């Protein structure tokens, strides 16, 4: 009985994580046109070395803003695989805690 109760509570959480992973992966496939650090538009002059923290993301912000004008940036950490998705802000601090880029009910999952 205890195992059934634990599964009853755990399965919706695991499904939410799976939906979040699928959404983030779809966003990366749709709006990232390359891998970090591969841009030919790096601001460094010939022979100039970029700072250690600099990574050039290739994100199609024009298309992304067409999907949702509340997009204000893209967050990416090269050492934390799960953090690689758009940043949205609608003017209040609650909207995108509970909805995704497309307005679907959602929670932030790390």
PDB file of N, CA and C in Angstrom:
ATOM      1  N   UNK A   1       0.820  -1.195   0.000  1.00  0.00           N
ATOM      2  CA  UNK A   1       0.000   0.000   0.000  1.00  0.00           C
ATOM      3  C   UNK A   1       0.869   1.267   0.000  1.00  0.00           C
ATOM      4  N   UNK A   2       1.941   1.226   0.760  1.00  0.00           N
ATOM      5  CA  UNK A   2       2.843   2.370   0.840  1.00  0.00           C
ATOM      6  C   UNK A   2       3.510   2.637  -0.509  1.00  0.00           C
ATOM      7  N   UNK A   3       3.878   1.575  -1.207  1.00  0.00           N
ATOM      8  CA  UNK A   3       4.500   1.726  -2.526  1.00  0.00           C
ATOM      9  C   UNK A   3       3.513   2.347  -3.510  1.00  0.00           C
ATOM     10  N   UNK A   4       2.271   1.928  -3.464  1.00  0.00           N
ATOM     11  CA  UNK A   4       1.253   2.483  -4.357  1.00  0.00           C
ATOM     12  C   UNK A   4       1.044   3.973  -4.083  1.00  0.00           C
ATOM     13  N   UNK A   5       1.027   4.354  -2.825  1.00  0.00           N
ATOM     14  CA  UNK A   5       0.861   5.768  -2.474  1.00  0.00           C
ATOM     15  C   UNK A   5       2.060   6.587  -2.944  1.00  0.00           C
ATOM     16  N   UNK A   6       3.258   6.036  -2.792  1.00  0.00           N
ATOM     17  CA  UNK A   6       4.465   6.739  -3.241  1.00  0.00           C
ATOM     18  C   UNK A   6       4.447   6.909  -4.759  1.00  0.00           C
ATOM     19  N   UNK A   7       4.066   5.863  -5.477  1.00  0.00           N
ATOM     20  CA  UNK A   7       3.981   5.950  -6.936  1.00  0.00           C
ATOM     21  C   UNK A   7       2.915   6.954  -7.368  1.00  0.00           C
ATOM     22  N   UNK A   8       1.809   6.987  -6.644  1.00  0.00           N
ATOM     23  CA  UNK A   8       0.733   7.926  -6.944  1.00  0.00           C
ATOM     24  C   UNK A   8       1.231   9.372  -6.862  1.00  0.00           C
ATOM     25  N   UNK A   9       2.081   9.649  -5.901  1.00  0.00           N
ATOM     26  CA  UNK A   9       2.641  10.993  -5.742  1.00  0.00           C
ATOM     27  C   UNK A   9       3.811  11.251  -6.683  1.00  0.00           C
ATOM     28  N   UNK A  10       4.598  10.240  -6.970  1.00  0.00           N
ATOM     29  CA  UNK A  10       5.831  10.402  -7.729  1.00  0.00           C
ATOM     30  C   UNK A  10       5.611  10.479  -9.243  1.00  0.00           C
ATOM     31  N   UNK A  11       4.683   9.715  -9.766  1.00  0.00           N
ATOM     32  CA  UNK A  11       4.483   9.653 -11.216  1.00  0.00           C
ATOM     33  C   UNK A  11       4.129  11.018 -11.813  1.00  0.00           C
ATOM     34  N   UNK A  12       3.211  11.803 -11.240  1.00  0.00           N
ATOM     35  CA  UNK A  12       2.945  13.130 -11.824  1.00  0.00           C
ATOM     36  C   UNK A  12       4.174  14.046 -11.823  1.00  0.00           C
ATOM     37  N   UNK A  13       4.997  13.958 -10.801  1.00  0.00           N
ATOM     38  CA  UNK A  13       6.214  14.772 -10.741  1.00  0.00           C
ATOM     39  C   UNK A  13       7.171  14.360 -11.850  1.00  0.00           C
ATOM     40  N   UNK A  14       7.363  13.066 -12.031  1.00  0.00           N
ATOM     41  CA  UNK A  14       8.253  12.581 -13.084  1.00  0.00           C
ATOM     42  C   UNK A  14       7.730  12.948 -14.470  1.00  0.00           C
ATOM     43  N   UNK A  15       6.430  12.885 -14.660  1.00  0.00           N
ATOM     44  CA  UNK A  15       5.843  13.282 -15.944  1.00  0.00           C
ATOM     45  C   UNK A  15       6.032  14.780 -16.199  1.00  0.00           C
ATOM     46  N   UNK A  16       5.935  15.591 -15.150  1.00  0.00           N
ATOM     47  CA  UNK A  16       6.166  17.035 -15.306  1.00  0.00           C
ATOM     48  C   UNK A  16       7.611  17.308 -15.704  1.00  0.00           C
ATOM     49  N   UNK A  17       8.557  16.593 -15.102  1.00  0.00           N
ATOM     50  CA  UNK A  17       9.962  16.740 -15.488  1.00  0.00           C
ATOM     51  C   UNK A  17      10.172  16.331 -16.945  1.00  0.00           C
ATOM     52  N   UNK A  18       9.524  15.268 -17.367  1.00  0.00           N
ATOM     53  CA  UNK A  18       9.655  14.800 -18.746  1.00  0.00           C
ATOM     54  C   UNK A  18       9.086  15.835 -19.720  1.00  0.00           C
ATOM     55  N   UNK A  19       7.923  16.403 -19.396  1.00  0.00           N
ATOM     56  CA  UNK A  19       7.333  17.447 -20.245  1.00  0.00           C
ATOM     57  C   UNK A  19       8.253  18.664 -20.319  1.00  0.00           C
ATOM     58  N   UNK A  20       8.846  19.036 -19.189  1.00  0.00           N
ATOM     59  CA  UNK A  20       9.772  20.177 -19.174  1.00  0.00           C
ATOM     60  C   UNK A  20      10.980  19.893 -20.053  1.00  0.00           C
ATOM     61  N   UNK A  21      11.557  18.709 -19.924  1.00  0.00           N
ATOM     62  CA  UNK A  21      12.708  18.348 -20.758  1.00  0.00           C
ATOM     63  C   UNK A  21      12.343  18.379 -22.237  1.00  0.00           C
ATOM     64  N   UNK A  22      11.178  17.839 -22.574  1.00  0.00           N
ATOM     65  CA  UNK A  22      10.739  17.829 -23.974  1.00  0.00           C
ATOM     66  C   UNK A  22      10.521  19.247 -24.503  1.00  0.00           C
ATOM     67  N   UNK A  23       9.931  20.114 -23.681  1.00  0.00           N
ATOM     68  CA  UNK A  23       9.702  21.500 -24.090  1.00  0.00           C
ATOM     69  C   UNK A  23      11.020  22.221 -24.314  1.00  0.00           C
ATOM     70  N   UNK A  24      11.949  22.095 -23.376  1.00  0.00           N
ATOM     71  CA  UNK A  24      13.250  22.760 -23.514  1.00  0.00           C
ATOM     72  C   UNK A  24      14.008  22.241 -24.728  1.00  0.00           C
ATOM     73  N   UNK A  25      13.956  20.943 -24.964  1.00  0.00           N
ATOM     74  CA  UNK A  25      14.644  20.372 -26.128  1.00  0.00           C
ATOM     75  C   UNK A  25      14.026  20.894 -27.427  1.00  0.00           C
ATOM     76  N   UNK A  26      12.698  20.975 -27.470  1.00  0.00           N
ATOM     77  CA  UNK A  26      12.032  21.504 -28.665  1.00  0.00           C
ATOM     78  C   UNK A  26      12.403  22.969 -28.894  1.00  0.00           C
ATOM     79  N   UNK A  27      12.506  23.745 -27.828  1.00  0.00           N
ATOM     80  CA  UNK A  27      12.912  25.147 -27.960  1.00  0.00           C
ATOM     81  C   UNK A  27      14.337  25.260 -28.481  1.00  0.00           C
ATOM     82  N   UNK A  28      15.233  24.436 -27.951  1.00  0.00           N
ATOM     83  CA  UNK A  28      16.620  24.458 -28.434  1.00  0.00           C
ATOM     84  C   UNK A  28      16.688  24.092 -29.910  1.00  0.00           C
ATOM     85  N   UNK A  29      15.953  23.062 -30.316  1.00  0.00           N
ATOM     86  CA  UNK A  29      15.971  22.637 -31.717  1.00  0.00           C
ATOM     87  C   UNK A  29      15.360  23.695 -32.635  1.00  0.00           C
ATOM     88  N   UNK A  30      14.330  24.381 -32.155  1.00  0.00           N
ATOM     89  CA  UNK A  30      13.635  25.350 -32.997  1.00  0.00           C
ATOM     90  C   UNK A  30      14.361  26.689 -33.102  1.00  0.00           C
ATOM     91  N   UNK A  31      15.015  27.124 -32.031  1.00  0.00           N
ATOM     92  CA  UNK A  31      15.529  28.488 -32.005  1.00  0.00           C
ATOM     93  C   UNK A  31      17.041  28.619 -31.880  1.00  0.00           C
ATOM     94  N   UNK A  32      17.736  27.568 -31.515  1.00  0.00           N
ATOM     95  CA  UNK A  32      19.200  27.635 -31.491  1.00  0.00           C
ATOM     96  C   UNK A  32      19.714  27.121 -32.827  1.00  0.00           C
ATOM     97  N   UNK A  33      20.511  27.935 -33.499  1.00  0.00           N
ATOM     98  CA  UNK A  33      20.991  27.568 -34.824  1.00  0.00           C
ATOM     99  C   UNK A  33      22.389  26.976 -34.796  1.00  0.00           C
ATOM    100  N   UNK A  34      22.968  26.817 -33.639  1.00  0.00           N
ATOM    101  CA  UNK A  34      24.307  26.243 -33.522  1.00  0.00           C
ATOM    102  C   UNK A  34      24.628  25.975 -32.074  1.00  0.00           C
ATOM    103  N   UNK A  35      25.818  25.548 -31.835  1.00  0.00           N
ATOM    104  CA  UNK A  35      26.270  25.276 -30.482  1.00  0.00           C
ATOM    105  C   UNK A  35      27.018  26.486 -29.941  1.00  0.00           C
ATOM    106  N   UNK A  36      27.005  26.676 -28.629  1.00  0.00           N
ATOM    107  CA  UNK A  36      27.744  27.784 -28.036  1.00  0.00           C
ATOM    108  C   UNK A  36      29.217  27.733 -28.429  1.00  0.00           C
ATOM    109  N   UNK A  37      29.768  28.900 -28.677  1.00  0.00           N
ATOM    110  CA  UNK A  37      31.184  28.996 -28.997  1.00  0.00           C
ATOM    111  C   UNK A  37      31.519  28.755 -30.452  1.00  0.00           C
ATOM    112  N   UNK A  38      30.506  28.543 -31.317  1.00  0.00           N
ATOM    113  CA  UNK A  38      30.783  28.238 -32.721  1.00  0.00           C
ATOM    114  C   UNK A  38      30.417  29.384 -33.654  1.00  0.00           C
ATOM    115  N   UNK A  39      30.056  30.520 -33.104  1.00  0.00           N
ATOM    116  CA  UNK A  39      29.637  31.644 -33.936  1.00  0.00           C
ATOM    117  C   UNK A  39      30.808  32.236 -34.701  1.00  0.00           C
ATOM    118  N   UNK A  40      30.552  32.592 -35.964  1.00  0.00           N
ATOM    119  CA  UNK A  40      31.572  33.279 -36.746  1.00  0.00           C
ATOM    120  C   UNK A  40      31.498  34.783 -36.506  1.00  0.00           C
ATOM    121  N   UNK A  41      30.519  35.212 -35.708  1.00  0.00           N
ATOM    122  CA  UNK A  41      30.327  36.631 -35.422  1.00  0.00           C
ATOM    123  C   UNK A  41      30.922  37.034 -34.079  1.00  0.00           C
ATOM    124  N   UNK A  42      31.879  36.277 -33.561  1.00  0.00           N
ATOM    125  CA  UNK A  42      32.496  36.618 -32.287  1.00  0.00           C
ATOM    126  C   UNK A  42      33.094  38.014 -32.358  1.00  0.00           C
ATOM    127  N   UNK A  43      32.937  38.812 -31.291  1.00  0.00           N
ATOM    128  CA  UNK A  43      33.390  40.196 -31.338  1.00  0.00           C
ATOM    129  C   UNK A  43      34.902  40.374 -31.229  1.00  0.00           C
ATOM    130  N   UNK A  44      35.633  39.320 -31.037  1.00  0.00           N
ATOM    131  CA  UNK A  44      37.082  39.447 -30.892  1.00  0.00           C
ATOM    132  C   UNK A  44      37.722  39.778 -32.237  1.00  0.00           C
ATOM    133  N   UNK A  45      38.665  40.678 -32.204  1.00  0.00           N
ATOM    134  CA  UNK A  45      39.446  41.001 -33.398  1.00  0.00           C
ATOM    135  C   UNK A  45      40.381  39.836 -33.700  1.00  0.00           C
ATOM    136  N   UNK A  46      40.907  39.818 -34.888  1.00  0.00           N
ATOM    137  CA  UNK A  46      41.850  38.766 -35.285  1.00  0.00           C
ATOM    138  C   UNK A  46      43.002  38.708 -34.280  1.00  0.00           C
ATOM    139  N   UNK A  47      43.227  37.555 -33.708  1.00  0.00           N
ATOM    140  CA  UNK A  47      44.320  37.365 -32.765  1.00  0.00           C
ATOM    141  C   UNK A  47      43.979  37.768 -31.337  1.00  0.00           C
ATOM    142  N   UNK A  48      42.839  38.425 -31.116  1.00  0.00           N
ATOM    143  CA  UNK A  48      42.443  38.833 -29.771  1.00  0.00           C
ATOM    144  C   UNK A  48      41.740  37.663 -29.085  1.00  0.00           C
ATOM    145  N   UNK A  49      42.064  37.442 -27.850  1.00  0.00           N
ATOM    146  CA  UNK A  49      41.467  36.332 -27.115  1.00  0.00           C
ATOM    147  C   UNK A  49      40.223  36.818 -26.375  1.00  0.00           C
ATOM    148  N   UNK A  50      39.158  36.032 -26.452  1.00  0.00           N
ATOM    149  CA  UNK A  50      37.926  36.367 -25.745  1.00  0.00           C
ATOM    150  C   UNK A  50      38.081  36.047 -24.268  1.00  0.00           C
ATOM    151  N   UNK A  51      37.319  36.733 -23.398  1.00  0.00           N
ATOM    152  CA  UNK A  51      37.350  36.395 -21.976  1.00  0.00           C
ATOM    153  C   UNK A  51      36.921  34.946 -21.764  1.00  0.00           C
ATOM    154  N   UNK A  52      37.368  34.340 -20.671  1.00  0.00           N
ATOM    155  CA  UNK A  52      37.060  32.937 -20.387  1.00  0.00           C
ATOM    156  C   UNK A  52      35.559  32.698 -20.262  1.00  0.00           C
ATOM    157  N   UNK A  53      34.809  33.700 -19.825  1.00  0.00           N
ATOM    158  CA  UNK A  53      33.377  33.529 -19.617  1.00  0.00           C
ATOM    159  C   UNK A  53      32.572  33.676 -20.895  1.00  0.00           C
ATOM    160  N   UNK A  54      33.172  34.144 -21.974  1.00  0.00           N
ATOM    161  CA  UNK A  54      32.418  34.454 -23.187  1.00  0.00           C
ATOM    162  C   UNK A  54      32.098  33.200 -23.982  1.00  0.00           C
ATOM    163  N   UNK A  55      30.833  33.000 -24.260  1.00  0.00           N
ATOM    164  CA  UNK A  55      30.345  31.938 -25.146  1.00  0.00           C
ATOM    165  C   UNK A  55      29.319  32.579 -26.075  1.00  0.00           C
ATOM    166  N   UNK A  56      29.501  32.461 -27.343  1.00  0.00           N
ATOM    167  CA  UNK A  56      28.558  33.048 -28.302  1.00  0.00           C
ATOM    168  C   UNK A  56      27.451  32.042 -28.607  1.00  0.00           C
ATOM    169  N   UNK A  57      26.253  32.312 -28.105  1.00  0.00           N
ATOM    170  CA  UNK A  57      25.104  31.476 -28.432  1.00  0.00           C
ATOM    171  C   UNK A  57      24.519  31.949 -29.750  1.00  0.00           C
ATOM    172  N   UNK A  58      24.093  31.021 -30.547  1.00  0.00           N
ATOM    173  CA  UNK A  58      23.437  31.355 -31.807  1.00  0.00           C
ATOM    174  C   UNK A  58      21.950  31.055 -31.658  1.00  0.00           C
ATOM    175  N   UNK A  59      21.197  32.070 -31.244  1.00  0.00           N
ATOM    176  CA  UNK A  59      19.765  31.940 -31.013  1.00  0.00           C
ATOM    177  C   UNK A  59      19.042  32.843 -32.003  1.00  0.00           C
ATOM    178  N   UNK A  60      18.012  32.308 -32.632  1.00  0.00           N
ATOM    179  CA  UNK A  60      17.208  33.071 -33.586  1.00  0.00           C
ATOM    180  C   UNK A  60      16.161  33.877 -32.805  1.00  0.00           C
ATOM    181  N   UNK A  61      16.587  35.036 -32.283  1.00  0.00           N
ATOM    182  CA  UNK A  61      15.701  35.841 -31.447  1.00  0.00           C
ATOM    183  C   UNK A  61      14.536  36.436 -32.233  1.00  0.00           C
ATOM    184  N   UNK A  62      14.706  36.730 -33.499  1.00  0.00           N
ATOM    185  CA  UNK A  62      13.606  37.287 -34.289  1.00  0.00           C
ATOM    186  C   UNK A  62      12.439  36.307 -34.348  1.00  0.00           C
ATOM    187  N   UNK A  63      12.724  35.061 -34.669  1.00  0.00           N
ATOM    188  CA  UNK A  63      11.676  34.041 -34.731  1.00  0.00           C
ATOM    189  C   UNK A  63      11.127  33.752 -33.343  1.00  0.00           C
ATOM    190  N   UNK A  64      12.003  33.731 -32.353  1.00  0.00           N
ATOM    191  CA  UNK A  64      11.588  33.476 -30.975  1.00  0.00           C
ATOM    192  C   UNK A  64      10.644  34.576 -30.487  1.00  0.00           C
ATOM    193  N   UNK A  65      10.946  35.829 -30.804  1.00  0.00           N
ATOM    194  CA  UNK A  65      10.076  36.943 -30.407  1.00  0.00           C
ATOM    195  C   UNK A  65       8.749  36.919 -31.172  1.00  0.00           C
ATOM    196  N   UNK A  66       8.722  36.327 -32.367  1.00  0.00           N
ATOM    197  CA  UNK A  66       7.457  36.157 -33.077  1.00  0.00           C
ATOM    198  C   UNK A  66       6.575  35.161 -32.338  1.00  0.00           C
ATOM    199  N   UNK A  67       7.187  34.133 -31.767  1.00  0.00           N
ATOM    200  CA  UNK A  67       6.431  33.142 -31.003  1.00  0.00           C
ATOM    201  C   UNK A  67       5.913  33.742 -29.701  1.00  0.00           C
ATOM    202  N   UNK A  68       6.718  34.629 -29.084  1.00  0.00           N
ATOM    203  CA  UNK A  68       6.313  35.277 -27.843  1.00  0.00           C
ATOM    204  C   UNK A  68       7.133  36.554 -27.660  1.00  0.00           C
ATOM    205  N   UNK A  69       6.500  37.718 -27.737  1.00  0.00           N
ATOM    206  CA  UNK A  69       7.243  38.978 -27.624  1.00  0.00           C
ATOM    207  C   UNK A  69       7.805  39.242 -26.228  1.00  0.00           C
ATOM    208  N   UNK A  70       7.453  38.428 -25.236  1.00  0.00           N
ATOM    209  CA  UNK A  70       7.972  38.602 -23.879  1.00  0.00           C
ATOM    210  C   UNK A  70       9.369  38.016 -23.695  1.00  0.00           C
ATOM    211  N   UNK A  71       9.943  37.438 -24.734  1.00  0.00           N
ATOM    212  CA  UNK A  71      11.302  36.888 -24.639  1.00  0.00           C
ATOM    213  C   UNK A  71      12.282  38.044 -24.469  1.00  0.00           C
ATOM    214  N   UNK A  72      13.137  37.956 -23.440  1.00  0.00           N
ATOM    215  CA  UNK A  72      14.125  39.016 -23.209  1.00  0.00           C
ATOM    216  C   UNK A  72      15.559  38.502 -23.288  1.00  0.00           C
ATOM    217  N   UNK A  73      15.740  37.196 -23.408  1.00  0.00           N
ATOM    218  CA  UNK A  73      17.094  36.661 -23.489  1.00  0.00           C
ATOM    219  C   UNK A  73      17.090  35.152 -23.495  1.00  0.00           C
ATOM    220  N   UNK A  74      18.271  34.598 -23.381  1.00  0.00           N
ATOM    221  CA  UNK A  74      18.455  33.146 -23.335  1.00  0.00           C
ATOM    222  C   UNK A  74      19.492  32.855 -22.267  1.00  0.00           C
ATOM    223  N   UNK A  75      19.201  31.933 -21.370  1.00  0.00           N
ATOM    224  CA  UNK A  75      20.150  31.581 -20.316  1.00  0.00           C
ATOM    225  C   UNK A  75      20.785  30.241 -20.653  1.00  0.00           C
ATOM    226  N   UNK A  76      22.090  30.174 -20.438  1.00  0.00           N
ATOM    227  CA  UNK A  76      22.836  28.966 -20.776  1.00  0.00           C
ATOM    228  C   UNK A  76      24.027  28.836 -19.832  1.00  0.00           C
ATOM    229  N   UNK A  77      24.214  27.653 -19.287  1.00  0.00           N
ATOM    230  CA  UNK A  77      25.401  27.326 -18.502  1.00  0.00           C
ATOM    231  C   UNK A  77      26.042  26.116 -19.146  1.00  0.00           C
ATOM    232  N   UNK A  78      27.293  26.234 -19.535  1.00  0.00           N
ATOM    233  CA  UNK A  78      27.935  25.124 -20.234  1.00  0.00           C
ATOM    234  C   UNK A  78      28.220  23.936 -19.326  1.00  0.00           C
ATOM    235  N   UNK A  79      28.250  24.135 -18.027  1.00  0.00           N
ATOM    236  CA  UNK A  79      28.521  23.026 -17.121  1.00  0.00           C
ATOM    237  C   UNK A  79      27.260  22.491 -16.441  1.00  0.00           C
ATOM    238  N   UNK A  80      26.109  23.069 -16.743  1.00  0.00           N
ATOM    239  CA  UNK A  80      24.840  22.574 -16.206  1.00  0.00           C
ATOM    240  C   UNK A  80      23.900  22.376 -17.390  1.00  0.00           C
ATOM    241  N   UNK A  81      23.800  21.160 -17.855  1.00  0.00           N
ATOM    242  CA  UNK A  81      23.075  20.850 -19.089  1.00  0.00           C
ATOM    243  C   UNK A  81      21.607  21.267 -19.055  1.00  0.00           C
ATOM    244  N   UNK A  82      20.974  21.193 -17.893  1.00  0.00           N
ATOM    245  CA  UNK A  82      19.543  21.482 -17.806  1.00  0.00           C
ATOM    246  C   UNK A  82      19.224  22.969 -17.935  1.00  0.00           C
ATOM    247  N   UNK A  83      20.207  23.853 -17.795  1.00  0.00           N
ATOM    248  CA  UNK A  83      19.939  25.287 -17.884  1.00  0.00           C
ATOM    249  C   UNK A  83      20.366  25.781 -19.258  1.00  0.00           C
ATOM    250  N   UNK A  84      19.395  25.791 -20.170  1.00  0.00           N
ATOM    251  CA  UNK A  84      19.622  26.205 -21.546  1.00  0.00           C
ATOM    252  C   UNK A  84      18.255  26.459 -22.174  1.00  0.00           C
ATOM    253  N   UNK A  85      17.683  27.651 -21.925  1.00  0.00           N
ATOM    254  CA  UNK A  85      16.340  27.951 -22.398  1.00  0.00           C
ATOM    255  C   UNK A  85      16.091  29.456 -22.404  1.00  0.00           C
ATOM    256  N   UNK A  86      14.986  29.898 -23.022  1.00  0.00           N
ATOM    257  CA  UNK A  86      14.717  31.336 -23.101  1.00  0.00           C
ATOM    258  C   UNK A  86      14.282  31.916 -21.759  1.00  0.00           C
ATOM    259  N   UNK A  87      14.549  33.215 -21.608  1.00  0.00           N
ATOM    260  CA  UNK A  87      14.094  33.972 -20.445  1.00  0.00           C
ATOM    261  C   UNK A  87      12.922  34.826 -20.909  1.00  0.00           C
ATOM    262  N   UNK A  88      11.832  34.768 -20.152  1.00  0.00           N
ATOM    263  CA  UNK A  88      10.639  35.532 -20.502  1.00  0.00           C
ATOM    264  C   UNK A  88      10.248  36.441 -19.344  1.00  0.00           C
ATOM    265  N   UNK A  89       9.736  37.619 -19.674  1.00  0.00           N
ATOM    266  CA  UNK A  89       9.241  38.539 -18.649  1.00  0.00           C
ATOM    267  C   UNK A  89       8.057  39.304 -19.219  1.00  0.00           C
ATOM    268  N   UNK A  90       6.935  39.245 -18.503  1.00  0.00           N
ATOM    269  CA  UNK A  90       5.703  39.862 -18.999  1.00  0.00           C
ATOM    270  C   UNK A  90       5.359  41.160 -18.289  1.00  0.00           C
ATOM    271  N   UNK A  91       6.163  41.575 -17.328  1.00  0.00           N
ATOM    272  CA  UNK A  91       5.851  42.771 -16.557  1.00  0.00           C
ATOM    273  C   UNK A  91       5.481  42.443 -15.127  1.00  0.00           C
ATOM    274  N   UNK A  92       5.177  41.187 -14.859  1.00  0.00           N
ATOM    275  CA  UNK A  92       4.952  40.767 -13.478  1.00  0.00           C
ATOM    276  C   UNK A  92       5.832  39.551 -13.198  1.00  0.00           C
ATOM    277  N   UNK A  93       5.968  39.220 -11.939  1.00  0.00           N
ATOM    278  CA  UNK A  93       6.890  38.155 -11.552  1.00  0.00           C
ATOM    279  C   UNK A  93       6.246  36.773 -11.497  1.00  0.00           C
ATOM    280  N   UNK A  94       4.981  36.659 -11.803  1.00  0.00           N
ATOM    281  CA  UNK A  94       4.279  35.391 -11.638  1.00  0.00           C
ATOM    282  C   UNK A  94       3.978  34.650 -12.936  1.00  0.00           C
ATOM    283  N   UNK A  95       3.740  35.359 -14.016  1.00  0.00           N
ATOM    284  CA  UNK A  95       3.225  34.749 -15.242  1.00  0.00           C
ATOM    285  C   UNK A  95       4.031  33.546 -15.689  1.00  0.00           C
ATOM    286  N   UNK A  96       5.326  33.712 -15.892  1.00  0.00           N
ATOM    287  CA  UNK A  96       6.118  32.626 -16.457  1.00  0.00           C
ATOM    288  C   UNK A  96       6.657  31.661 -15.413  1.00  0.00           C
ATOM    289  N   UNK A  97       6.215  31.820 -14.162  1.00  0.00           N
ATOM    290  CA  UNK A  97       6.455  30.767 -13.177  1.00  0.00           C
ATOM    291  C   UNK A  97       5.440  29.650 -13.371  1.00  0.00           C
ATOM    292  N   UNK A  98       4.329  29.979 -14.037  1.00  0.00           N
ATOM    293  CA  UNK A  98       3.228  29.028 -14.162  1.00  0.00           C
ATOM    294  C   UNK A  98       2.837  28.713 -15.599  1.00  0.00           C
ATOM    295  N   UNK A  99       3.445  29.388 -16.579  1.00  0.00           N
ATOM    296  CA  UNK A  99       3.167  29.096 -17.983  1.00  0.00           C
ATOM    297  C   UNK A  99       4.470  29.055 -18.771  1.00  0.00           C
ATOM    298  N   UNK A 100       4.447  28.322 -19.875  1.00  0.00           N
ATOM    299  CA  UNK A 100       5.646  28.244 -20.710  1.00  0.00           C
ATOM    300  C   UNK A 100       5.591  29.313 -21.802  1.00  0.00           C
ATOM    301  N   UNK A 101       6.514  29.241 -22.722  1.00  0.00           N
ATOM    302  CA  UNK A 101       6.637  30.197 -23.822  1.00  0.00           C
ATOM    303  C   UNK A 101       5.343  30.325 -24.617  1.00  0.00           C
ATOM    304  N   UNK A 102       4.592  29.235 -24.720  1.00  0.00           N
ATOM    305  CA  UNK A 102       3.380  29.195 -25.539  1.00  0.00           C
ATOM    306  C   UNK A 102       2.104  29.437 -24.743  1.00  0.00           C
ATOM    307  N   UNK A 103       2.221  29.719 -23.438  1.00  0.00           N
ATOM    308  CA  UNK A 103       1.058  29.983 -22.606  1.00  0.00           C
ATOM    309  C   UNK A 103       0.452  28.750 -21.969  1.00  0.00           C
ATOM    310  N   UNK A 104       1.081  27.590 -22.129  1.00  0.00           N
ATOM    311  CA  UNK A 104       0.585  26.360 -21.517  1.00  0.00           C
ATOM    312  C   UNK A 104       0.917  26.349 -20.030  1.00  0.00           C
ATOM    313  N   UNK A 105       0.014  25.777 -19.224  1.00  0.00           N
ATOM    314  CA  UNK A 105       0.266  25.653 -17.790  1.00  0.00           C
ATOM    315  C   UNK A 105       1.561  24.889 -17.581  1.00  0.00           C
ATOM    316  N   UNK A 106       2.383  25.395 -16.655  1.00  0.00           N
ATOM    317  CA  UNK A 106       3.737  24.889 -16.573  1.00  0.00           C
ATOM    318  C   UNK A 106       4.383  25.348 -15.282  1.00  0.00           C
ATOM    319  N   UNK A 107       5.416  24.659 -14.846  1.00  0.00           N
ATOM    320  CA  UNK A 107       6.227  25.089 -13.713  1.00  0.00           C
ATOM    321  C   UNK A 107       7.685  25.016 -14.106  1.00  0.00           C
ATOM    322  N   UNK A 108       8.498  25.908 -13.552  1.00  0.00           N
ATOM    323  CA  UNK A 108       9.936  25.865 -13.815  1.00  0.00           C
ATOM    324  C   UNK A 108      10.506  24.618 -13.160  1.00  0.00           C
ATOM    325  N   UNK A 109      11.255  23.867 -13.925  1.00  0.00           N
ATOM    326  CA  UNK A 109      11.902  22.653 -13.420  1.00  0.00           C
ATOM    327  C   UNK A 109      13.382  22.730 -13.707  1.00  0.00           C
ATOM    328  N   UNK A 110      14.193  22.473 -12.722  1.00  0.00           N
ATOM    329  CA  UNK A 110      15.648  22.440 -12.914  1.00  0.00           C
ATOM    330  C   UNK A 110      16.153  21.026 -12.788  1.00  0.00           C
TER     331      UNK A 110
END
